[in-house]
Amino acid sequence: MLFKKESVLRHIRRHHPACPDFAAEYFANEVAARRWSDASLGKAVGIVMQTYLRHNMTDYDTLLLMGLNKDAARKRVQPRINAMIAHWSRKRTIDD
């Protein structure tokens, strides 16, 4: 299934209103560029957000290089990812 960028952006803005605009644009482009089989729009957005945050906003790749297996490294970084997504799920404030 293909998702249109505009639909993805609406979904992100509805469910993750504090997600920075530049990040929402990036995620929307990533989701829209792929063909998704058996994934809802919400699941596709979640996969892209999780993957981006894991590889770019945590020490996941460093943990792998240090010898941790994927499962252990994911378990270690998941609380940080969850916190970032939870923050984005809050209403925007004047400081966002």
C-alpha atoms as a PDB file:
ATOM      1  CA  MET A   1       0.000   0.000   0.000  1.00  0.00           C
ATOM      2  CA  LEU A   2       1.197   3.488  -0.797  1.00  0.00           C
ATOM      3  CA  PHE A   3       0.382   6.440   1.443  1.00  0.00           C
ATOM      4  CA  LYS A   4       0.236   9.993   0.144  1.00  0.00           C
ATOM      5  CA  LYS A   5       2.561  12.451   1.822  1.00  0.00           C
ATOM      6  CA  GLU A   6      -0.316  14.801   2.681  1.00  0.00           C
ATOM      7  CA  SER A   7      -2.188  11.986   4.464  1.00  0.00           C
ATOM      8  CA  VAL A   8       0.929  11.050   6.393  1.00  0.00           C
ATOM      9  CA  LEU A   9       1.507  14.671   7.453  1.00  0.00           C
ATOM     10  CA  ARG A  10      -2.104  14.960   8.654  1.00  0.00           C
ATOM     11  CA  HIS A  11      -1.696  11.762  10.653  1.00  0.00           C
ATOM     12  CA  ILE A  12       1.558  12.962  12.248  1.00  0.00           C
ATOM     13  CA  ARG A  13       0.133  16.366  13.095  1.00  0.00           C
ATOM     14  CA  ARG A  14      -2.975  14.767  14.629  1.00  0.00           C
ATOM     15  CA  HIS A  15      -1.220  12.071  16.654  1.00  0.00           C
ATOM     16  CA  HIS A  16       2.166  13.726  17.269  1.00  0.00           C
ATOM     17  CA  PRO A  17       1.377  17.447  17.406  1.00  0.00           C
ATOM     18  CA  ALA A  18       4.647  18.385  19.118  1.00  0.00           C
ATOM     19  CA  CYS A  19       6.766  16.657  16.464  1.00  0.00           C
ATOM     20  CA  PRO A  20       8.946  19.376  14.907  1.00  0.00           C
ATOM     21  CA  ASP A  21       7.827  20.398  11.424  1.00  0.00           C
ATOM     22  CA  PHE A  22      11.141  19.410   9.823  1.00  0.00           C
ATOM     23  CA  ALA A  23      10.886  15.932  11.385  1.00  0.00           C
ATOM     24  CA  ALA A  24       7.239  15.528  10.347  1.00  0.00           C
ATOM     25  CA  GLU A  25       8.226  16.391   6.771  1.00  0.00           C
ATOM     26  CA  TYR A  26      11.090  13.885   6.854  1.00  0.00           C
ATOM     27  CA  PHE A  27       8.897  11.114   8.279  1.00  0.00           C
ATOM     28  CA  ALA A  28       6.106  11.853   5.790  1.00  0.00           C
ATOM     29  CA  ASN A  29       8.548  11.641   2.879  1.00  0.00           C
ATOM     30  CA  GLU A  30       9.964   8.362   4.179  1.00  0.00           C
ATOM     31  CA  VAL A  31       6.550   6.762   4.675  1.00  0.00           C
ATOM     32  CA  ALA A  32       5.258   7.980   1.286  1.00  0.00           C
ATOM     33  CA  ALA A  33       8.362   6.683  -0.520  1.00  0.00           C
ATOM     34  CA  ARG A  34       7.758   3.053   0.495  1.00  0.00           C
ATOM     35  CA  ARG A  35       5.264   0.400  -0.453  1.00  0.00           C
ATOM     36  CA  TRP A  36       3.780  -0.994   2.756  1.00  0.00           C
ATOM     37  CA  SER A  37       2.271  -4.471   2.888  1.00  0.00           C
ATOM     38  CA  ASP A  38      -0.149  -5.185   5.708  1.00  0.00           C
ATOM     39  CA  ALA A  39       0.649  -1.958   7.562  1.00  0.00           C
ATOM     40  CA  SER A  40      -1.813   0.725   8.555  1.00  0.00           C
ATOM     41  CA  LEU A  41      -0.788   4.346   8.227  1.00  0.00           C
ATOM     42  CA  GLY A  42      -0.231   4.534  11.983  1.00  0.00           C
ATOM     43  CA  LYS A  43       1.962   1.443  11.970  1.00  0.00           C
ATOM     44  CA  ALA A  44       4.007   2.754   9.020  1.00  0.00           C
ATOM     45  CA  VAL A  45       4.573   6.088  10.783  1.00  0.00           C
ATOM     46  CA  GLY A  46       5.519   4.268  13.981  1.00  0.00           C
ATOM     47  CA  ILE A  47       8.047   2.063  12.194  1.00  0.00           C
ATOM     48  CA  VAL A  48       9.693   5.027  10.466  1.00  0.00           C
ATOM     49  CA  MET A  49       9.812   7.112  13.661  1.00  0.00           C
ATOM     50  CA  GLN A  50      11.180   4.238  15.740  1.00  0.00           C
ATOM     51  CA  THR A  51      13.842   3.388  13.168  1.00  0.00           C
ATOM     52  CA  TYR A  52      14.962   6.988  12.720  1.00  0.00           C
ATOM     53  CA  LEU A  53      15.127   7.678  16.446  1.00  0.00           C
ATOM     54  CA  ARG A  54      16.914   4.390  17.184  1.00  0.00           C
ATOM     55  CA  HIS A  55      19.682   5.029  14.665  1.00  0.00           C
ATOM     56  CA  ASN A  56      20.011   8.809  14.947  1.00  0.00           C
ATOM     57  CA  MET A  57      19.019   9.829  18.463  1.00  0.00           C
ATOM     58  CA  THR A  58      20.386   6.986  20.598  1.00  0.00           C
ATOM     59  CA  ASP A  59      23.614   5.045  21.007  1.00  0.00           C
ATOM     60  CA  TYR A  60      22.047   1.937  19.406  1.00  0.00           C
ATOM     61  CA  ASP A  61      24.646   1.589  16.640  1.00  0.00           C
ATOM     62  CA  THR A  62      27.491   2.100  19.108  1.00  0.00           C
ATOM     63  CA  LEU A  63      26.048  -0.613  21.328  1.00  0.00           C
ATOM     64  CA  LEU A  64      26.013  -2.982  18.350  1.00  0.00           C
ATOM     65  CA  LEU A  65      29.642  -2.131  17.586  1.00  0.00           C
ATOM     66  CA  MET A  66      30.496  -2.865  21.225  1.00  0.00           C
ATOM     67  CA  GLY A  67      29.125  -6.383  20.798  1.00  0.00           C
ATOM     68  CA  LEU A  68      25.552  -6.200  22.109  1.00  0.00           C
ATOM     69  CA  ASN A  69      23.077  -8.164  20.042  1.00  0.00           C
ATOM     70  CA  LYS A  70      20.154  -6.375  18.381  1.00  0.00           C
ATOM     71  CA  ASP A  71      17.605  -7.376  21.002  1.00  0.00           C
ATOM     72  CA  ALA A  72      19.723  -6.228  23.937  1.00  0.00           C
ATOM     73  CA  ALA A  73      20.633  -2.954  22.209  1.00  0.00           C
ATOM     74  CA  ARG A  74      17.001  -2.264  21.307  1.00  0.00           C
ATOM     75  CA  LYS A  75      15.887  -2.974  24.860  1.00  0.00           C
ATOM     76  CA  ARG A  76      18.483  -0.567  26.206  1.00  0.00           C
ATOM     77  CA  VAL A  77      17.522   2.354  23.920  1.00  0.00           C
ATOM     78  CA  GLN A  78      13.734   1.820  23.812  1.00  0.00           C
ATOM     79  CA  PRO A  79      12.970   3.968  26.902  1.00  0.00           C
ATOM     80  CA  ARG A  80      14.600   6.984  25.238  1.00  0.00           C
ATOM     81  CA  ILE A  81      12.672   6.377  22.013  1.00  0.00           C
ATOM     82  CA  ASN A  82       9.420   6.003  23.957  1.00  0.00           C
ATOM     83  CA  ALA A  83      10.110   9.265  25.797  1.00  0.00           C
ATOM     84  CA  MET A  84      10.715  11.174  22.549  1.00  0.00           C
ATOM     85  CA  ILE A  85       7.562   9.824  20.932  1.00  0.00           C
ATOM     86  CA  ALA A  86       5.556  10.538  24.104  1.00  0.00           C
ATOM     87  CA  HIS A  87       6.841  14.119  24.051  1.00  0.00           C
ATOM     88  CA  TRP A  88       5.790  14.512  20.412  1.00  0.00           C
ATOM     89  CA  SER A  89       2.350  13.136  21.267  1.00  0.00           C
ATOM     90  CA  ARG A  90       1.631  16.029  23.646  1.00  0.00           C
ATOM     91  CA  LYS A  91      -0.107  19.175  22.480  1.00  0.00           C
ATOM     92  CA  ARG A  92       2.240  21.833  21.198  1.00  0.00           C
ATOM     93  CA  THR A  93       3.095  24.576  23.636  1.00  0.00           C
ATOM     94  CA  ILE A  94       4.485  28.041  23.086  1.00  0.00           C
ATOM     95  CA  ASP A  95       7.980  26.640  23.768  1.00  0.00           C
ATOM     96  CA  ASP A  96       7.772  23.951  21.021  1.00  0.00           C
END
